[in-house]
Amino acid sequence: MSDSVMTKFFDEGAYTALFAGKEGTVKAAFGSVNGCPVYCVEQNGGAMNAKETEKMIKVLDLAVKTGNPIVTWYDSKGSDLKGGLNALTDAAALNAKIAQASGVVPQIAVVTGVCGGNAAMAAANADICIVTEDCELFLTPVFTAQAAGDKGAASSAAAAPQLMANRYARVRLIR
């Protein structure tokens, strides 16, 4: 998450960055929103690998341990395929952790960019999933589905922006 987004998200722009000095696709922080303590995680558009997934799991653990909500911004090119089958294991571990935290702490997913495959499942497993008009939320990429003969893939991918047109939601975290 860029500093400007964090500054806008947290009260008075004050937050504590987690995993300081560790570069990567995932950034995380802790601060207050409307006076309530909140953890947040953001993907910066890169591919997810085991280290990045582990960061997300650690923040979920912190949220559960402290009873604080977690907001996750999804924007990822998906799993880093260099990880091979471990990418599936990592995604399964993340989704299992999200399921374990369900009902324990509020989880809000905000899809701001590309969110496909396993990331789409993670976002959908949150208590609330908010999508922006220009996001892409899908289980199977349109080009893959079309190559497999799915003629409805293009219209299915466009459904989220069409549904979101002229609809706004105000989200307020209550503790």
C-alpha atoms as a PDB file:
ATOM      1  CA  MET A   1       0.000   0.000   0.000  1.00  0.00           C
ATOM      2  CA  SER A   2       1.477   3.304  -0.904  1.00  0.00           C
ATOM      3  CA  ASP A   3       2.103   5.738   1.897  1.00  0.00           C
ATOM      4  CA  SER A   4      -0.523   8.084   0.480  1.00  0.00           C
ATOM      5  CA  VAL A   5      -3.207   5.355   0.608  1.00  0.00           C
ATOM      6  CA  MET A   6      -2.247   4.392   4.158  1.00  0.00           C
ATOM      7  CA  THR A   7      -2.230   8.013   5.177  1.00  0.00           C
ATOM      8  CA  LYS A   8      -5.760   8.384   3.819  1.00  0.00           C
ATOM      9  CA  PHE A   9      -6.990   5.103   5.299  1.00  0.00           C
ATOM     10  CA  PHE A  10      -5.778   5.483   8.868  1.00  0.00           C
ATOM     11  CA  ASP A  11      -6.930   8.177  11.283  1.00  0.00           C
ATOM     12  CA  GLU A  12      -4.713  11.234  11.009  1.00  0.00           C
ATOM     13  CA  GLY A  13      -2.422   9.259   8.713  1.00  0.00           C
ATOM     14  CA  ALA A  14      -0.869   7.487  11.694  1.00  0.00           C
ATOM     15  CA  TYR A  15      -0.003   3.806  11.414  1.00  0.00           C
ATOM     16  CA  THR A  16       2.724   1.300  12.202  1.00  0.00           C
ATOM     17  CA  ALA A  17       4.149  -0.587   9.246  1.00  0.00           C
ATOM     18  CA  LEU A  18       4.541  -4.328   9.802  1.00  0.00           C
ATOM     19  CA  PHE A  19       7.421  -6.291   8.283  1.00  0.00           C
ATOM     20  CA  ALA A  20       9.496  -3.104   8.002  1.00  0.00           C
ATOM     21  CA  GLY A  21      12.388  -3.308   5.569  1.00  0.00           C
ATOM     22  CA  LYS A  22      10.947  -6.327   3.755  1.00  0.00           C
ATOM     23  CA  GLU A  23      10.250  -5.513   0.134  1.00  0.00           C
ATOM     24  CA  GLY A  24       7.660  -7.462  -1.754  1.00  0.00           C
ATOM     25  CA  THR A  25       4.165  -7.698  -3.114  1.00  0.00           C
ATOM     26  CA  VAL A  26       2.452  -7.518   0.288  1.00  0.00           C
ATOM     27  CA  LYS A  27       2.604  -4.614   2.694  1.00  0.00           C
ATOM     28  CA  ALA A  28       0.859  -4.527   6.043  1.00  0.00           C
ATOM     29  CA  ALA A  29       0.169  -2.027   8.793  1.00  0.00           C
ATOM     30  CA  PHE A  30      -1.672  -1.470  12.053  1.00  0.00           C
ATOM     31  CA  GLY A  31      -3.485   1.698  13.060  1.00  0.00           C
ATOM     32  CA  SER A  32      -6.902   3.170  13.823  1.00  0.00           C
ATOM     33  CA  VAL A  33      -9.876   3.832  11.573  1.00  0.00           C
ATOM     34  CA  ASN A  34     -12.684   5.888  13.092  1.00  0.00           C
ATOM     35  CA  GLY A  35     -10.973   5.325  16.435  1.00  0.00           C
ATOM     36  CA  CYS A  36     -11.004   1.518  16.115  1.00  0.00           C
ATOM     37  CA  PRO A  37      -7.770  -0.487  15.906  1.00  0.00           C
ATOM     38  CA  VAL A  38      -7.444  -2.175  12.504  1.00  0.00           C
ATOM     39  CA  TYR A  39      -4.914  -4.318  10.664  1.00  0.00           C
ATOM     40  CA  CYS A  40      -4.592  -3.862   6.935  1.00  0.00           C
ATOM     41  CA  VAL A  41      -2.867  -5.767   4.173  1.00  0.00           C
ATOM     42  CA  GLU A  42      -2.321  -4.590   0.622  1.00  0.00           C
ATOM     43  CA  GLN A  43      -1.076  -6.289  -2.502  1.00  0.00           C
ATOM     44  CA  ASN A  44       0.789  -3.950  -4.846  1.00  0.00           C
ATOM     45  CA  GLY A  45      -0.014  -5.696  -8.125  1.00  0.00           C
ATOM     46  CA  GLY A  46       2.861  -8.181  -8.212  1.00  0.00           C
ATOM     47  CA  ALA A  47       2.776 -11.959  -8.170  1.00  0.00           C
ATOM     48  CA  MET A  48       2.297 -13.733  -4.841  1.00  0.00           C
ATOM     49  CA  ASN A  49       4.902 -16.181  -3.549  1.00  0.00           C
ATOM     50  CA  ALA A  50       5.264 -18.166  -0.331  1.00  0.00           C
ATOM     51  CA  LYS A  51       6.875 -15.283   1.602  1.00  0.00           C
ATOM     52  CA  GLU A  52       4.081 -12.881   0.655  1.00  0.00           C
ATOM     53  CA  THR A  53       1.370 -15.386   1.536  1.00  0.00           C
ATOM     54  CA  GLU A  54       3.059 -16.005   4.892  1.00  0.00           C
ATOM     55  CA  LYS A  55       2.904 -12.259   5.631  1.00  0.00           C
ATOM     56  CA  MET A  56      -0.854 -12.301   5.039  1.00  0.00           C
ATOM     57  CA  ILE A  57      -1.254 -15.322   7.311  1.00  0.00           C
ATOM     58  CA  LYS A  58       0.798 -13.635  10.062  1.00  0.00           C
ATOM     59  CA  VAL A  59      -1.403 -10.536   9.942  1.00  0.00           C
ATOM     60  CA  LEU A  60      -4.520 -12.715  10.151  1.00  0.00           C
ATOM     61  CA  ASP A  61      -2.971 -14.409  13.205  1.00  0.00           C
ATOM     62  CA  LEU A  62      -2.337 -10.996  14.801  1.00  0.00           C
ATOM     63  CA  ALA A  63      -5.908  -9.906  14.112  1.00  0.00           C
ATOM     64  CA  VAL A  64      -7.315 -13.070  15.692  1.00  0.00           C
ATOM     65  CA  LYS A  65      -4.955 -12.841  18.677  1.00  0.00           C
ATOM     66  CA  THR A  66      -5.925  -9.218  19.394  1.00  0.00           C
ATOM     67  CA  GLY A  67      -9.551  -9.380  18.244  1.00  0.00           C
ATOM     68  CA  ASN A  68      -9.080  -6.531  15.773  1.00  0.00           C
ATOM     69  CA  PRO A  69     -10.613  -6.395  12.292  1.00  0.00           C
ATOM     70  CA  ILE A  70      -8.548  -6.785   9.143  1.00  0.00           C
ATOM     71  CA  VAL A  71      -8.994  -4.991   5.826  1.00  0.00           C
ATOM     72  CA  THR A  72      -7.222  -6.472   2.802  1.00  0.00           C
ATOM     73  CA  TRP A  73      -6.751  -4.686  -0.521  1.00  0.00           C
ATOM     74  CA  TYR A  74      -6.489  -7.191  -3.363  1.00  0.00           C
ATOM     75  CA  ASP A  75      -4.498  -6.327  -6.484  1.00  0.00           C
ATOM     76  CA  SER A  76      -2.275  -9.190  -7.596  1.00  0.00           C
ATOM     77  CA  LYS A  77      -1.197 -10.867 -10.783  1.00  0.00           C
ATOM     78  CA  GLY A  78      -1.859 -14.140  -9.008  1.00  0.00           C
ATOM     79  CA  SER A  79       0.522 -16.789  -7.799  1.00  0.00           C
ATOM     80  CA  ASP A  80       4.173 -16.752  -8.782  1.00  0.00           C
ATOM     81  CA  LEU A  81       4.252 -19.838 -10.989  1.00  0.00           C
ATOM     82  CA  LYS A  82       7.940 -20.370 -10.215  1.00  0.00           C
ATOM     83  CA  GLY A  83       6.671 -21.775  -6.927  1.00  0.00           C
ATOM     84  CA  GLY A  84       5.119 -24.721  -8.747  1.00  0.00           C
ATOM     85  CA  LEU A  85       2.653 -26.789  -6.770  1.00  0.00           C
ATOM     86  CA  ASN A  86       3.723 -24.989  -3.602  1.00  0.00           C
ATOM     87  CA  ALA A  87       1.727 -22.007  -4.887  1.00  0.00           C
ATOM     88  CA  LEU A  88      -1.436 -24.087  -4.501  1.00  0.00           C
ATOM     89  CA  THR A  89      -0.393 -25.203  -1.022  1.00  0.00           C
ATOM     90  CA  ASP A  90       0.268 -21.581  -0.030  1.00  0.00           C
ATOM     91  CA  ALA A  91      -3.107 -20.441  -1.376  1.00  0.00           C
ATOM     92  CA  ALA A  92      -4.843 -23.278   0.466  1.00  0.00           C
ATOM     93  CA  ALA A  93      -3.104 -22.272   3.716  1.00  0.00           C
ATOM     94  CA  LEU A  94      -4.228 -18.658   3.285  1.00  0.00           C
ATOM     95  CA  ASN A  95      -7.824 -19.630   2.557  1.00  0.00           C
ATOM     96  CA  ALA A  96      -7.817 -22.017   5.526  1.00  0.00           C
ATOM     97  CA  LYS A  97      -6.597 -19.197   7.792  1.00  0.00           C
ATOM     98  CA  ILE A  98      -9.300 -16.869   6.447  1.00  0.00           C
ATOM     99  CA  ALA A  99     -11.905 -19.559   7.203  1.00  0.00           C
ATOM    100  CA  GLN A 100     -10.516 -20.041  10.733  1.00  0.00           C
ATOM    101  CA  ALA A 101     -10.726 -16.286  11.387  1.00  0.00           C
ATOM    102  CA  SER A 102     -14.284 -16.081  10.061  1.00  0.00           C
ATOM    103  CA  GLY A 103     -16.659 -15.240  12.869  1.00  0.00           C
ATOM    104  CA  VAL A 104     -13.738 -14.402  15.163  1.00  0.00           C
ATOM    105  CA  VAL A 105     -12.718 -11.037  13.686  1.00  0.00           C
ATOM    106  CA  PRO A 106     -14.355  -8.970  10.953  1.00  0.00           C
ATOM    107  CA  GLN A 107     -12.639  -9.390   7.585  1.00  0.00           C
ATOM    108  CA  ILE A 108     -13.156  -6.889   4.783  1.00  0.00           C
ATOM    109  CA  ALA A 109     -11.785  -7.448   1.278  1.00  0.00           C
ATOM    110  CA  VAL A 110     -11.416  -4.473  -1.050  1.00  0.00           C
ATOM    111  CA  VAL A 111     -10.683  -5.498  -4.633  1.00  0.00           C
ATOM    112  CA  THR A 112      -8.979  -2.585  -6.369  1.00  0.00           C
ATOM    113  CA  GLY A 113      -7.253  -4.321  -9.273  1.00  0.00           C
ATOM    114  CA  VAL A 114      -6.751  -7.807 -10.651  1.00  0.00           C
ATOM    115  CA  CYS A 115      -7.982 -10.519  -8.313  1.00  0.00           C
ATOM    116  CA  GLY A 116      -8.104 -13.929  -9.923  1.00  0.00           C
ATOM    117  CA  GLY A 117      -8.002 -17.584  -9.056  1.00  0.00           C
ATOM    118  CA  ASN A 118      -6.989 -18.289  -5.480  1.00  0.00           C
ATOM    119  CA  ALA A 119      -6.930 -14.573  -4.609  1.00  0.00           C
ATOM    120  CA  ALA A 120     -10.554 -14.305  -5.782  1.00  0.00           C
ATOM    121  CA  MET A 121     -11.463 -17.164  -3.458  1.00  0.00           C
ATOM    122  CA  ALA A 122      -9.687 -15.420  -0.564  1.00  0.00           C
ATOM    123  CA  ALA A 123     -11.508 -12.147  -1.250  1.00  0.00           C
ATOM    124  CA  ALA A 124     -14.852 -13.934  -1.568  1.00  0.00           C
ATOM    125  CA  ASN A 125     -14.261 -15.687   1.776  1.00  0.00           C
ATOM    126  CA  ALA A 126     -14.069 -12.360   3.641  1.00  0.00           C
ATOM    127  CA  ASP A 127     -17.115 -11.225   5.608  1.00  0.00           C
ATOM    128  CA  ILE A 128     -17.537  -8.266   3.261  1.00  0.00           C
ATOM    129  CA  CYS A 129     -16.123  -7.979  -0.255  1.00  0.00           C
ATOM    130  CA  ILE A 130     -16.074  -4.558  -1.874  1.00  0.00           C
ATOM    131  CA  VAL A 131     -15.122  -4.225  -5.534  1.00  0.00           C
ATOM    132  CA  THR A 132     -14.200  -1.098  -7.459  1.00  0.00           C
ATOM    133  CA  GLU A 133     -15.706  -0.480 -10.867  1.00  0.00           C
ATOM    134  CA  ASP A 134     -12.424  -1.082 -12.681  1.00  0.00           C
ATOM    135  CA  CYS A 135     -11.368  -4.221 -10.831  1.00  0.00           C
ATOM    136  CA  GLU A 136     -11.172  -7.720 -12.264  1.00  0.00           C
ATOM    137  CA  LEU A 137     -12.545 -10.438 -10.001  1.00  0.00           C
ATOM    138  CA  PHE A 138     -12.598 -13.941 -11.519  1.00  0.00           C
ATOM    139  CA  LEU A 139     -11.798 -17.586 -10.846  1.00  0.00           C
ATOM    140  CA  THR A 140     -10.634 -18.314 -14.392  1.00  0.00           C
ATOM    141  CA  PRO A 141      -9.119 -15.602 -16.609  1.00  0.00           C
ATOM    142  CA  VAL A 142     -11.260 -14.721 -19.623  1.00  0.00           C
ATOM    143  CA  PHE A 143      -8.554 -15.708 -22.130  1.00  0.00           C
ATOM    144  CA  THR A 144      -8.182 -19.139 -20.508  1.00  0.00           C
ATOM    145  CA  ALA A 145     -11.925 -19.735 -20.370  1.00  0.00           C
ATOM    146  CA  GLN A 146     -12.395 -18.649 -23.984  1.00  0.00           C
ATOM    147  CA  ALA A 147      -9.530 -20.887 -25.117  1.00  0.00           C
ATOM    148  CA  ALA A 148     -11.351 -23.777 -23.434  1.00  0.00           C
ATOM    149  CA  GLY A 149     -14.504 -22.942 -25.396  1.00  0.00           C
ATOM    150  CA  ASP A 150     -16.474 -21.003 -22.742  1.00  0.00           C
ATOM    151  CA  LYS A 151     -18.375 -18.516 -24.907  1.00  0.00           C
ATOM    152  CA  GLY A 152     -19.927 -16.761 -21.887  1.00  0.00           C
ATOM    153  CA  ALA A 153     -16.583 -15.900 -20.258  1.00  0.00           C
ATOM    154  CA  ALA A 154     -16.396 -12.329 -21.550  1.00  0.00           C
ATOM    155  CA  SER A 155     -19.911 -11.461 -20.382  1.00  0.00           C
ATOM    156  CA  SER A 156     -19.307 -13.079 -16.983  1.00  0.00           C
ATOM    157  CA  ALA A 157     -16.137 -11.067 -16.411  1.00  0.00           C
ATOM    158  CA  ALA A 158     -17.991  -7.847 -17.204  1.00  0.00           C
ATOM    159  CA  ALA A 159     -20.806  -8.603 -14.745  1.00  0.00           C
ATOM    160  CA  ALA A 160     -19.109  -7.104 -11.656  1.00  0.00           C
ATOM    161  CA  PRO A 161     -18.576  -3.614 -13.141  1.00  0.00           C
ATOM    162  CA  GLN A 162     -22.109  -3.637 -14.525  1.00  0.00           C
ATOM    163  CA  LEU A 163     -23.555  -4.535 -11.132  1.00  0.00           C
ATOM    164  CA  MET A 164     -21.464  -1.891  -9.380  1.00  0.00           C
ATOM    165  CA  ALA A 165     -22.482   0.962 -11.708  1.00  0.00           C
ATOM    166  CA  ASN A 166     -24.094   3.773  -9.704  1.00  0.00           C
ATOM    167  CA  ARG A 167     -24.083   1.816  -6.450  1.00  0.00           C
ATOM    168  CA  TYR A 168     -22.109   3.059  -3.494  1.00  0.00           C
ATOM    169  CA  ALA A 169     -21.607   1.678  -0.024  1.00  0.00           C
ATOM    170  CA  ARG A 170     -20.332   3.452   3.042  1.00  0.00           C
ATOM    171  CA  VAL A 171     -18.352   1.141   5.243  1.00  0.00           C
ATOM    172  CA  ARG A 172     -17.914   1.910   8.909  1.00  0.00           C
ATOM    173  CA  LEU A 173     -15.954  -0.388  11.168  1.00  0.00           C
ATOM    174  CA  ILE A 174     -17.631  -0.883  14.510  1.00  0.00           C
ATOM    175  CA  ARG A 175     -15.962  -2.599  17.367  1.00  0.00           C
END
